[in-house]
């Protein structure tokens, strides 16, 4: 690992984590909408 590489890892991890959280939030809200639409 270069010095730049080790600096970039936490940044990339943070971006991925943020996108994952957004995606999971979207999926959860879609499931809620799906359930209420079916009932």
PDB file of N, CA and C in Angstrom:
ATOM      1  N   UNK A   1       0.841  -1.206   0.000  1.00  0.00           N
ATOM      2  CA  UNK A   1       0.000   0.000   0.000  1.00  0.00           C
ATOM      3  C   UNK A   1       0.869   1.245   0.000  1.00  0.00           C
ATOM      4  N   UNK A   2       0.577   2.164  -0.899  1.00  0.00           N
ATOM      5  CA  UNK A   2       1.279   3.436  -0.887  1.00  0.00           C
ATOM      6  C   UNK A   2       0.645   4.350   0.148  1.00  0.00           C
ATOM      7  N   UNK A   3       1.274   5.467   0.434  1.00  0.00           N
ATOM      8  CA  UNK A   3       0.737   6.419   1.414  1.00  0.00           C
ATOM      9  C   UNK A   3      -0.601   6.965   0.926  1.00  0.00           C
ATOM     10  N   UNK A   4      -0.676   7.240  -0.398  1.00  0.00           N
ATOM     11  CA  UNK A   4      -1.924   7.759  -0.969  1.00  0.00           C
ATOM     12  C   UNK A   4      -3.023   6.720  -0.879  1.00  0.00           C
ATOM     13  N   UNK A   5      -2.656   5.462  -1.143  1.00  0.00           N
ATOM     14  CA  UNK A   5      -3.632   4.385  -1.111  1.00  0.00           C
ATOM     15  C   UNK A   5      -4.255   4.231   0.260  1.00  0.00           C
ATOM     16  N   UNK A   6      -3.427   4.295   1.312  1.00  0.00           N
ATOM     17  CA  UNK A   6      -3.953   4.124   2.663  1.00  0.00           C
ATOM     18  C   UNK A   6      -4.808   5.313   3.074  1.00  0.00           C
ATOM     19  N   UNK A   7      -4.545   6.485   2.485  1.00  0.00           N
ATOM     20  CA  UNK A   7      -5.390   7.649   2.773  1.00  0.00           C
ATOM     21  C   UNK A   7      -6.736   7.542   2.060  1.00  0.00           C
ATOM     22  N   UNK A   8      -6.717   6.929   0.883  1.00  0.00           N
ATOM     23  CA  UNK A   8      -7.941   6.868   0.075  1.00  0.00           C
ATOM     24  C   UNK A   8      -8.927   5.836   0.605  1.00  0.00           C
ATOM     25  N   UNK A   9      -8.423   4.794   1.259  1.00  0.00           N
ATOM     26  CA  UNK A   9      -9.292   3.698   1.704  1.00  0.00           C
ATOM     27  C   UNK A   9     -10.423   4.165   2.610  1.00  0.00           C
ATOM     28  N   UNK A  10     -10.152   4.928   3.697  1.00  0.00           N
ATOM     29  CA  UNK A  10     -11.268   5.366   4.552  1.00  0.00           C
ATOM     30  C   UNK A  10     -12.252   6.264   3.823  1.00  0.00           C
ATOM     31  N   UNK A  11     -11.771   7.062   2.884  1.00  0.00           N
ATOM     32  CA  UNK A  11     -12.655   7.944   2.121  1.00  0.00           C
ATOM     33  C   UNK A  11     -13.598   7.115   1.258  1.00  0.00           C
ATOM     34  N   UNK A  12     -13.029   6.150   0.542  1.00  0.00           N
ATOM     35  CA  UNK A  12     -13.839   5.275  -0.310  1.00  0.00           C
ATOM     36  C   UNK A  12     -14.838   4.490   0.541  1.00  0.00           C
ATOM     37  N   UNK A  13     -14.368   3.994   1.693  1.00  0.00           N
ATOM     38  CA  UNK A  13     -15.240   3.238   2.593  1.00  0.00           C
ATOM     39  C   UNK A  13     -16.403   4.104   3.059  1.00  0.00           C
ATOM     40  N   UNK A  14     -16.134   5.371   3.358  1.00  0.00           N
ATOM     41  CA  UNK A  14     -17.184   6.279   3.825  1.00  0.00           C
ATOM     42  C   UNK A  14     -18.210   6.528   2.719  1.00  0.00           C
ATOM     43  N   UNK A  15     -17.737   6.713   1.487  1.00  0.00           N
ATOM     44  CA  UNK A  15     -18.642   6.948   0.355  1.00  0.00           C
ATOM     45  C   UNK A  15     -19.508   5.724   0.102  1.00  0.00           C
ATOM     46  N   UNK A  16     -18.879   4.550   0.116  1.00  0.00           N
ATOM     47  CA  UNK A  16     -19.619   3.303  -0.096  1.00  0.00           C
ATOM     48  C   UNK A  16     -20.652   3.118   1.002  1.00  0.00           C
ATOM     49  N   UNK A  17     -20.261   3.407   2.246  1.00  0.00           N
ATOM     50  CA  UNK A  17     -21.178   3.261   3.376  1.00  0.00           C
ATOM     51  C   UNK A  17     -22.376   4.178   3.218  1.00  0.00           C
ATOM     52  N   UNK A  18     -22.111   5.414   2.793  1.00  0.00           N
ATOM     53  CA  UNK A  18     -23.208   6.379   2.620  1.00  0.00           C
ATOM     54  C   UNK A  18     -24.171   5.911   1.530  1.00  0.00           C
ATOM     55  N   UNK A  19     -23.612   5.420   0.408  1.00  0.00           N
ATOM     56  CA  UNK A  19     -24.449   4.939  -0.696  1.00  0.00           C
ATOM     57  C   UNK A  19     -25.246   3.712  -0.262  1.00  0.00           C
ATOM     58  N   UNK A  20     -24.600   2.824   0.509  1.00  0.00           N
ATOM     59  CA  UNK A  20     -25.283   1.628   0.999  1.00  0.00           C
ATOM     60  C   UNK A  20     -26.441   2.010   1.900  1.00  0.00           C
ATOM     61  N   UNK A  21     -26.222   2.978   2.800  1.00  0.00           N
ATOM     62  CA  UNK A  21     -27.279   3.415   3.704  1.00  0.00           C
ATOM     63  C   UNK A  21     -28.450   4.000   2.920  1.00  0.00           C
ATOM     64  N   UNK A  22     -28.154   4.803   1.911  1.00  0.00           N
ATOM     65  CA  UNK A  22     -29.193   5.382   1.065  1.00  0.00           C
ATOM     66  C   UNK A  22     -29.985   4.277   0.368  1.00  0.00           C
ATOM     67  N   UNK A  23     -29.251   3.305  -0.161  1.00  0.00           N
ATOM     68  CA  UNK A  23     -29.882   2.205  -0.884  1.00  0.00           C
ATOM     69  C   UNK A  23     -30.789   1.390   0.047  1.00  0.00           C
ATOM     70  N   UNK A  24     -30.277   1.077   1.252  1.00  0.00           N
ATOM     71  CA  UNK A  24     -31.064   0.301   2.218  1.00  0.00           C
ATOM     72  C   UNK A  24     -32.298   1.090   2.640  1.00  0.00           C
ATOM     73  N   UNK A  25     -32.146   2.395   2.825  1.00  0.00           N
ATOM     74  CA  UNK A  25     -33.284   3.235   3.179  1.00  0.00           C
ATOM     75  C   UNK A  25     -34.345   3.226   2.088  1.00  0.00           C
ATOM     76  N   UNK A  26     -33.891   3.278   0.840  1.00  0.00           N
ATOM     77  CA  UNK A  26     -34.819   3.242  -0.293  1.00  0.00           C
ATOM     78  C   UNK A  26     -35.564   1.916  -0.343  1.00  0.00           C
ATOM     79  N   UNK A  27     -34.832   0.821  -0.158  1.00  0.00           N
ATOM     80  CA  UNK A  27     -35.446  -0.510  -0.196  1.00  0.00           C
ATOM     81  C   UNK A  27     -36.482  -0.644   0.911  1.00  0.00           C
ATOM     82  N   UNK A  28     -36.143  -0.153   2.114  1.00  0.00           N
ATOM     83  CA  UNK A  28     -37.081  -0.242   3.236  1.00  0.00           C
ATOM     84  C   UNK A  28     -38.348   0.550   2.954  1.00  0.00           C
ATOM     85  N   UNK A  29     -38.195   1.764   2.429  1.00  0.00           N
ATOM     86  CA  UNK A  29     -39.381   2.581   2.156  1.00  0.00           C
ATOM     87  C   UNK A  29     -40.197   1.982   1.017  1.00  0.00           C
ATOM     88  N   UNK A  30     -39.526   1.379   0.039  1.00  0.00           N
ATOM     89  CA  UNK A  30     -40.251   0.714  -1.052  1.00  0.00           C
ATOM     90  C   UNK A  30     -41.067  -0.453  -0.523  1.00  0.00           C
ATOM     91  N   UNK A  31     -40.511  -1.200   0.423  1.00  0.00           N
ATOM     92  CA  UNK A  31     -41.233  -2.338   1.000  1.00  0.00           C
ATOM     93  C   UNK A  31     -42.452  -1.858   1.774  1.00  0.00           C
ATOM     94  N   UNK A  32     -42.324  -0.738   2.472  1.00  0.00           N
ATOM     95  CA  UNK A  32     -43.453  -0.177   3.219  1.00  0.00           C
ATOM     96  C   UNK A  32     -44.559   0.234   2.242  1.00  0.00           C
ATOM     97  N   UNK A  33     -44.169   0.908   1.156  1.00  0.00           N
ATOM     98  CA  UNK A  33     -45.134   1.338   0.143  1.00  0.00           C
ATOM     99  C   UNK A  33     -45.802   0.118  -0.489  1.00  0.00           C
ATOM    100  N   UNK A  34     -45.006  -0.906  -0.784  1.00  0.00           N
ATOM    101  CA  UNK A  34     -45.517  -2.129  -1.403  1.00  0.00           C
ATOM    102  C   UNK A  34     -46.554  -2.796  -0.503  1.00  0.00           C
ATOM    103  N   UNK A  35     -46.241  -2.863   0.804  1.00  0.00           N
ATOM    104  CA  UNK A  35     -47.169  -3.495   1.751  1.00  0.00           C
ATOM    105  C   UNK A  35     -48.472  -2.707   1.841  1.00  0.00           C
ATOM    106  N   UNK A  36     -48.375  -1.385   1.928  1.00  0.00           N
ATOM    107  CA  UNK A  36     -49.585  -0.565   2.067  1.00  0.00           C
ATOM    108  C   UNK A  36     -50.394  -0.561   0.768  1.00  0.00           C
ATOM    109  N   UNK A  37     -49.719  -0.702  -0.369  1.00  0.00           N
ATOM    110  CA  UNK A  37     -50.433  -0.722  -1.649  1.00  0.00           C
ATOM    111  C   UNK A  37     -51.196  -2.035  -1.821  1.00  0.00           C
ATOM    112  N   UNK A  38     -50.657  -3.116  -1.301  1.00  0.00           N
ATOM    113  CA  UNK A  38     -51.295  -4.429  -1.456  1.00  0.00           C
ATOM    114  C   UNK A  38     -52.485  -4.585  -0.530  1.00  0.00           C
ATOM    115  N   UNK A  39     -52.427  -3.984   0.653  1.00  0.00           N
ATOM    116  CA  UNK A  39     -53.510  -4.184   1.622  1.00  0.00           C
ATOM    117  C   UNK A  39     -54.761  -3.386   1.254  1.00  0.00           C
TER     118      UNK A  39
END
